[in-house]
Amino acid sequence: PTRHQHPQVFTGEMPIYNQDKPDQR
């Protein structure tokens, strides 16, 4: 099996927010 054929554990992007500021959301 080639690399792209393996099941991927995690390929997305994880957003990390600035902890020193209030949650702007």
PDB file of all heavy atoms in Angstrom:
ATOM      1  N   PRO A   1       0.831  -1.213   0.000  1.00  0.00           N
ATOM      2  CA  PRO A   1       0.000   0.000   0.000  1.00  0.00           C
ATOM      3  C   PRO A   1       0.859   1.253   0.000  1.00  0.00           C
ATOM      4  O   PRO A   1       1.877   1.318   0.669  1.00  0.00           O
ATOM      5  CB  PRO A   1      -0.799  -0.122   1.302  1.00  0.00           C
ATOM      6  CG  PRO A   1      -0.003  -1.037   2.169  1.00  0.00           C
ATOM      7  CD  PRO A   1       0.680  -1.984   1.248  1.00  0.00           C
ATOM      8  N   THR A   2       0.469   2.286  -0.735  1.00  0.00           N
ATOM      9  CA  THR A   2       1.197   3.560  -0.804  1.00  0.00           C
ATOM     10  C   THR A   2       0.773   4.456   0.349  1.00  0.00           C
ATOM     11  O   THR A   2      -0.178   4.172   1.069  1.00  0.00           O
ATOM     12  CB  THR A   2       0.900   4.261  -2.136  1.00  0.00           C
ATOM     13  OG1 THR A   2      -0.502   4.450  -2.245  1.00  0.00           O
ATOM     14  CG2 THR A   2       1.361   3.371  -3.311  1.00  0.00           C
ATOM     15  N   ARG A   3       1.457   5.599   0.485  1.00  0.00           N
ATOM     16  CA  ARG A   3       1.220   6.505   1.598  1.00  0.00           C
ATOM     17  C   ARG A   3      -0.197   7.047   1.585  1.00  0.00           C
ATOM     18  O   ARG A   3      -0.861   7.108   2.617  1.00  0.00           O
ATOM     19  CB  ARG A   3       2.231   7.675   1.535  1.00  0.00           C
ATOM     20  CG  ARG A   3       2.062   8.688   2.640  1.00  0.00           C
ATOM     21  CD  ARG A   3       3.090   9.792   2.477  1.00  0.00           C
ATOM     22  NE  ARG A   3       2.967  10.775   3.546  1.00  0.00           N
ATOM     23  CZ  ARG A   3       3.555  10.676   4.730  1.00  0.00           C
ATOM     24  NH1 ARG A   3       4.317   9.631   5.010  1.00  0.00           N
ATOM     25  NH2 ARG A   3       3.408  11.611   5.653  1.00  0.00           N
ATOM     26  N   HIS A   4      -0.673   7.422   0.425  1.00  0.00           N
ATOM     27  CA  HIS A   4      -1.988   8.030   0.367  1.00  0.00           C
ATOM     28  C   HIS A   4      -3.096   7.010   0.575  1.00  0.00           C
ATOM     29  O   HIS A   4      -4.244   7.367   0.769  1.00  0.00           O
ATOM     30  CB  HIS A   4      -2.185   8.745  -0.982  1.00  0.00           C
ATOM     31  CG  HIS A   4      -2.301   7.787  -2.134  1.00  0.00           C
ATOM     32  ND1 HIS A   4      -1.191   7.300  -2.788  1.00  0.00           N
ATOM     33  CD2 HIS A   4      -3.394   7.235  -2.709  1.00  0.00           C
ATOM     34  CE1 HIS A   4      -1.592   6.483  -3.747  1.00  0.00           C
ATOM     35  NE2 HIS A   4      -2.934   6.417  -3.713  1.00  0.00           N
ATOM     36  N   GLN A   5      -2.742   5.699   0.549  1.00  0.00           N
ATOM     37  CA  GLN A   5      -3.754   4.693   0.739  1.00  0.00           C
ATOM     38  C   GLN A   5      -3.991   4.382   2.215  1.00  0.00           C
ATOM     39  O   GLN A   5      -4.953   3.724   2.563  1.00  0.00           O
ATOM     40  CB  GLN A   5      -3.366   3.398   0.007  1.00  0.00           C
ATOM     41  CG  GLN A   5      -3.457   3.526  -1.505  1.00  0.00           C
ATOM     42  CD  GLN A   5      -2.968   2.272  -2.176  1.00  0.00           C
ATOM     43  OE1 GLN A   5      -1.948   1.727  -1.774  1.00  0.00           O
ATOM     44  NE2 GLN A   5      -3.689   1.829  -3.187  1.00  0.00           N
ATOM     45  N   HIS A   6      -3.047   4.822   3.121  1.00  0.00           N
ATOM     46  CA  HIS A   6      -3.210   4.556   4.549  1.00  0.00           C
ATOM     47  C   HIS A   6      -4.340   5.419   5.111  1.00  0.00           C
ATOM     48  O   HIS A   6      -4.511   6.557   4.715  1.00  0.00           O
ATOM     49  CB  HIS A   6      -1.920   4.885   5.304  1.00  0.00           C
ATOM     50  CG  HIS A   6      -0.880   3.823   5.112  1.00  0.00           C
ATOM     51  ND1 HIS A   6      -0.910   2.626   5.767  1.00  0.00           N
ATOM     52  CD2 HIS A   6       0.227   3.799   4.332  1.00  0.00           C
ATOM     53  CE1 HIS A   6       0.135   1.904   5.410  1.00  0.00           C
ATOM     54  NE2 HIS A   6       0.839   2.602   4.527  1.00  0.00           N
ATOM     55  N   PRO A   7      -5.097   4.921   6.076  1.00  0.00           N
ATOM     56  CA  PRO A   7      -6.109   5.764   6.731  1.00  0.00           C
ATOM     57  C   PRO A   7      -5.430   6.852   7.546  1.00  0.00           C
ATOM     58  O   PRO A   7      -4.454   6.602   8.255  1.00  0.00           O
ATOM     59  CB  PRO A   7      -6.855   4.775   7.634  1.00  0.00           C
ATOM     60  CG  PRO A   7      -5.906   3.639   7.840  1.00  0.00           C
ATOM     61  CD  PRO A   7      -5.095   3.547   6.587  1.00  0.00           C
ATOM     62  N   GLN A   8      -5.916   8.045   7.417  1.00  0.00           N
ATOM     63  CA  GLN A   8      -5.272   9.165   8.072  1.00  0.00           C
ATOM     64  C   GLN A   8      -5.879   9.370   9.458  1.00  0.00           C
ATOM     65  O   GLN A   8      -7.099   9.384   9.625  1.00  0.00           O
ATOM     66  CB  GLN A   8      -5.467  10.420   7.228  1.00  0.00           C
ATOM     67  CG  GLN A   8      -4.945  10.212   5.810  1.00  0.00           C
ATOM     68  CD  GLN A   8      -4.388  11.489   5.244  1.00  0.00           C
ATOM     69  OE1 GLN A   8      -4.397  12.499   5.911  1.00  0.00           O
ATOM     70  NE2 GLN A   8      -3.906  11.428   4.028  1.00  0.00           N
ATOM     71  N   VAL A   9      -4.973   9.510  10.444  1.00  0.00           N
ATOM     72  CA  VAL A   9      -5.432   9.711  11.826  1.00  0.00           C
ATOM     73  C   VAL A   9      -6.036  11.089  11.994  1.00  0.00           C
ATOM     74  O   VAL A   9      -7.120  11.253  12.525  1.00  0.00           O
ATOM     75  CB  VAL A   9      -4.257   9.529  12.810  1.00  0.00           C
ATOM     76  CG1 VAL A   9      -4.702   9.783  14.238  1.00  0.00           C
ATOM     77  CG2 VAL A   9      -3.682   8.136  12.642  1.00  0.00           C
ATOM     78  N   PHE A  10      -5.334  12.125  11.459  1.00  0.00           N
ATOM     79  CA  PHE A  10      -5.869  13.482  11.533  1.00  0.00           C
ATOM     80  C   PHE A  10      -5.170  14.323  10.493  1.00  0.00           C
ATOM     81  O   PHE A  10      -3.950  14.357  10.439  1.00  0.00           O
ATOM     82  CB  PHE A  10      -5.619  14.063  12.932  1.00  0.00           C
ATOM     83  CG  PHE A  10      -6.213  15.444  13.095  1.00  0.00           C
ATOM     84  CD1 PHE A  10      -7.566  15.598  13.349  1.00  0.00           C
ATOM     85  CD2 PHE A  10      -5.420  16.578  12.960  1.00  0.00           C
ATOM     86  CE1 PHE A  10      -8.112  16.855  13.490  1.00  0.00           C
ATOM     87  CE2 PHE A  10      -5.990  17.827  13.114  1.00  0.00           C
ATOM     88  CZ  PHE A  10      -7.338  17.976  13.379  1.00  0.00           C
ATOM     89  N   THR A  11      -5.923  14.950   9.635  1.00  0.00           N
ATOM     90  CA  THR A  11      -5.314  15.768   8.583  1.00  0.00           C
ATOM     91  C   THR A  11      -5.848  17.186   8.573  1.00  0.00           C
ATOM     92  O   THR A  11      -5.434  17.990   7.765  1.00  0.00           O
ATOM     93  CB  THR A  11      -5.585  15.134   7.218  1.00  0.00           C
ATOM     94  OG1 THR A  11      -6.985  14.993   7.028  1.00  0.00           O
ATOM     95  CG2 THR A  11      -4.930  13.762   7.100  1.00  0.00           C
ATOM     96  N   GLY A  12      -6.770  17.506   9.447  1.00  0.00           N
ATOM     97  CA  GLY A  12      -7.363  18.834   9.445  1.00  0.00           C
ATOM     98  C   GLY A  12      -6.527  19.858  10.206  1.00  0.00           C
ATOM     99  O   GLY A  12      -5.450  19.567  10.707  1.00  0.00           O
ATOM    100  N   GLU A  13      -7.018  21.067  10.335  1.00  0.00           N
ATOM    101  CA  GLU A  13      -6.331  22.139  11.048  1.00  0.00           C
ATOM    102  C   GLU A  13      -7.063  22.406  12.359  1.00  0.00           C
ATOM    103  O   GLU A  13      -8.288  22.441  12.412  1.00  0.00           O
ATOM    104  CB  GLU A  13      -6.316  23.404  10.202  1.00  0.00           C
ATOM    105  CG  GLU A  13      -5.503  23.240   8.922  1.00  0.00           C
ATOM    106  CD  GLU A  13      -5.512  24.516   8.113  1.00  0.00           C
ATOM    107  OE1 GLU A  13      -6.313  25.402   8.443  1.00  0.00           O
ATOM    108  OE2 GLU A  13      -4.711  24.623   7.161  1.00  0.00           O
ATOM    109  N   MET A  14      -6.288  22.575  13.415  1.00  0.00           N
ATOM    110  CA  MET A  14      -6.876  22.852  14.727  1.00  0.00           C
ATOM    111  C   MET A  14      -6.670  24.318  15.102  1.00  0.00           C
ATOM    112  O   MET A  14      -5.540  24.771  15.194  1.00  0.00           O
ATOM    113  CB  MET A  14      -6.217  21.964  15.797  1.00  0.00           C
ATOM    114  CG  MET A  14      -6.767  22.220  17.193  1.00  0.00           C
ATOM    115  SD  MET A  14      -5.966  21.179  18.395  1.00  0.00           S
ATOM    116  CE  MET A  14      -6.655  19.619  17.920  1.00  0.00           C
ATOM    117  N   PRO A  15      -7.732  25.073  15.258  1.00  0.00           N
ATOM    118  CA  PRO A  15      -7.574  26.498  15.628  1.00  0.00           C
ATOM    119  C   PRO A  15      -7.195  26.639  17.103  1.00  0.00           C
ATOM    120  O   PRO A  15      -7.764  25.960  17.960  1.00  0.00           O
ATOM    121  CB  PRO A  15      -8.953  27.093  15.357  1.00  0.00           C
ATOM    122  CG  PRO A  15      -9.892  25.945  15.499  1.00  0.00           C
ATOM    123  CD  PRO A  15      -9.155  24.735  15.091  1.00  0.00           C
ATOM    124  N   ILE A  16      -6.213  27.485  17.408  1.00  0.00           N
ATOM    125  CA  ILE A  16      -5.802  27.777  18.787  1.00  0.00           C
ATOM    126  C   ILE A  16      -5.943  29.289  19.000  1.00  0.00           C
ATOM    127  O   ILE A  16      -5.379  30.068  18.246  1.00  0.00           O
ATOM    128  CB  ILE A  16      -4.360  27.342  19.035  1.00  0.00           C
ATOM    129  CG1 ILE A  16      -4.249  25.814  18.796  1.00  0.00           C
ATOM    130  CG2 ILE A  16      -3.893  27.712  20.431  1.00  0.00           C
ATOM    131  CD1 ILE A  16      -2.855  25.284  18.987  1.00  0.00           C
ATOM    132  N   TYR A  17      -6.661  29.684  20.033  1.00  0.00           N
ATOM    133  CA  TYR A  17      -6.941  31.099  20.300  1.00  0.00           C
ATOM    134  C   TYR A  17      -5.963  31.646  21.324  1.00  0.00           C
ATOM    135  O   TYR A  17      -5.415  30.928  22.158  1.00  0.00           O
ATOM    136  CB  TYR A  17      -8.368  31.260  20.816  1.00  0.00           C
ATOM    137  CG  TYR A  17      -9.406  30.825  19.803  1.00  0.00           C
ATOM    138  CD1 TYR A  17      -9.899  29.523  19.834  1.00  0.00           C
ATOM    139  CD2 TYR A  17      -9.840  31.710  18.825  1.00  0.00           C
ATOM    140  CE1 TYR A  17     -10.820  29.111  18.900  1.00  0.00           C
ATOM    141  CE2 TYR A  17     -10.772  31.288  17.906  1.00  0.00           C
ATOM    142  CZ  TYR A  17     -11.270  29.997  17.928  1.00  0.00           C
ATOM    143  OH  TYR A  17     -12.181  29.581  17.011  1.00  0.00           O
ATOM    144  N   ASN A  18      -5.788  32.986  21.279  1.00  0.00           N
ATOM    145  CA  ASN A  18      -4.913  33.674  22.213  1.00  0.00           C
ATOM    146  C   ASN A  18      -5.553  33.651  23.597  1.00  0.00           C
ATOM    147  O   ASN A  18      -6.641  34.167  23.805  1.00  0.00           O
ATOM    148  CB  ASN A  18      -4.716  35.115  21.736  1.00  0.00           C
ATOM    149  CG  ASN A  18      -3.587  35.802  22.515  1.00  0.00           C
ATOM    150  OD1 ASN A  18      -3.238  35.417  23.632  1.00  0.00           O
ATOM    151  ND2 ASN A  18      -3.034  36.852  21.908  1.00  0.00           N
ATOM    152  N   GLN A  19      -4.834  33.084  24.571  1.00  0.00           N
ATOM    153  CA  GLN A  19      -5.395  32.903  25.906  1.00  0.00           C
ATOM    154  C   GLN A  19      -5.339  34.185  26.744  1.00  0.00           C
ATOM    155  O   GLN A  19      -5.985  34.272  27.781  1.00  0.00           O
ATOM    156  CB  GLN A  19      -4.614  31.791  26.632  1.00  0.00           C
ATOM    157  CG  GLN A  19      -4.675  30.456  25.899  1.00  0.00           C
ATOM    158  CD  GLN A  19      -6.094  29.917  25.845  1.00  0.00           C
ATOM    159  OE1 GLN A  19      -6.886  30.148  26.779  1.00  0.00           O
ATOM    160  NE2 GLN A  19      -6.403  29.242  24.742  1.00  0.00           N
ATOM    161  N   ASP A  20      -4.506  35.203  26.330  1.00  0.00           N
ATOM    162  CA  ASP A  20      -4.361  36.440  27.106  1.00  0.00           C
ATOM    163  C   ASP A  20      -5.482  37.424  26.863  1.00  0.00           C
ATOM    164  O   ASP A  20      -5.596  38.423  27.553  1.00  0.00           O
ATOM    165  CB  ASP A  20      -3.023  37.120  26.800  1.00  0.00           C
ATOM    166  CG  ASP A  20      -1.855  36.228  27.198  1.00  0.00           C
ATOM    167  OD1 ASP A  20      -2.021  35.419  28.151  1.00  0.00           O
ATOM    168  OD2 ASP A  20      -0.797  36.336  26.538  1.00  0.00           O
ATOM    169  N   LYS A  21      -6.268  37.181  25.864  1.00  0.00           N
ATOM    170  CA  LYS A  21      -7.338  38.108  25.526  1.00  0.00           C
ATOM    171  C   LYS A  21      -8.667  37.441  25.758  1.00  0.00           C
ATOM    172  O   LYS A  21      -8.779  36.216  25.712  1.00  0.00           O
ATOM    173  CB  LYS A  21      -7.216  38.562  24.077  1.00  0.00           C
ATOM    174  CG  LYS A  21      -5.964  39.402  23.807  1.00  0.00           C
ATOM    175  CD  LYS A  21      -5.950  39.894  22.388  1.00  0.00           C
ATOM    176  CE  LYS A  21      -4.705  40.758  22.116  1.00  0.00           C
ATOM    177  NZ  LYS A  21      -4.684  41.263  20.756  1.00  0.00           N
ATOM    178  N   PRO A  22      -9.653  38.251  26.020  1.00  0.00           N
ATOM    179  CA  PRO A  22     -10.986  37.662  26.195  1.00  0.00           C
ATOM    180  C   PRO A  22     -11.416  36.951  24.920  1.00  0.00           C
ATOM    181  O   PRO A  22     -10.921  37.225  23.845  1.00  0.00           O
ATOM    182  CB  PRO A  22     -11.892  38.869  26.471  1.00  0.00           C
ATOM    183  CG  PRO A  22     -10.975  39.985  26.828  1.00  0.00           C
ATOM    184  CD  PRO A  22      -9.660  39.711  26.218  1.00  0.00           C
ATOM    185  N   ASP A  23     -12.257  36.032  25.117  1.00  0.00           N
ATOM    186  CA  ASP A  23     -12.745  35.268  23.960  1.00  0.00           C
ATOM    187  C   ASP A  23     -13.536  36.194  23.063  1.00  0.00           C
ATOM    188  O   ASP A  23     -14.621  36.651  23.418  1.00  0.00           O
ATOM    189  CB  ASP A  23     -13.643  34.127  24.444  1.00  0.00           C
ATOM    190  CG  ASP A  23     -13.925  33.165  23.310  1.00  0.00           C
ATOM    191  OD1 ASP A  23     -13.648  33.508  22.138  1.00  0.00           O
ATOM    192  OD2 ASP A  23     -14.430  32.055  23.593  1.00  0.00           O
ATOM    193  N   GLN A  24     -12.919  36.574  21.951  1.00  0.00           N
ATOM    194  CA  GLN A  24     -13.523  37.542  21.063  1.00  0.00           C
ATOM    195  C   GLN A  24     -14.737  36.996  20.347  1.00  0.00           C
ATOM    196  O   GLN A  24     -15.482  37.737  19.739  1.00  0.00           O
ATOM    197  CB  GLN A  24     -12.482  38.008  20.035  1.00  0.00           C
ATOM    198  CG  GLN A  24     -11.286  38.720  20.685  1.00  0.00           C
ATOM    199  CD  GLN A  24     -10.270  39.160  19.650  1.00  0.00           C
ATOM    200  OE1 GLN A  24     -10.512  39.008  18.466  1.00  0.00           O
ATOM    201  NE2 GLN A  24      -9.168  39.738  20.116  1.00  0.00           N
ATOM    202  N   ARG A  25     -14.907  35.664  20.438  1.00  0.00           N
ATOM    203  CA  ARG A  25     -16.071  35.117  19.777  1.00  0.00           C
ATOM    204  C   ARG A  25     -17.363  35.527  20.478  1.00  0.00           C
ATOM    205  O   ARG A  25     -18.413  35.598  19.886  1.00  0.00           O
ATOM    206  CB  ARG A  25     -15.988  33.577  19.759  1.00  0.00           C
ATOM    207  CG  ARG A  25     -14.868  33.048  18.866  1.00  0.00           C
ATOM    208  CD  ARG A  25     -14.764  31.566  19.013  1.00  0.00           C
ATOM    209  NE  ARG A  25     -14.427  31.236  20.411  1.00  0.00           N
ATOM    210  CZ  ARG A  25     -14.344  29.969  20.845  1.00  0.00           C
ATOM    211  NH1 ARG A  25     -14.602  28.958  20.035  1.00  0.00           N
ATOM    212  NH2 ARG A  25     -14.012  29.742  22.106  1.00  0.00           N
TER     213      ARG A  25
END
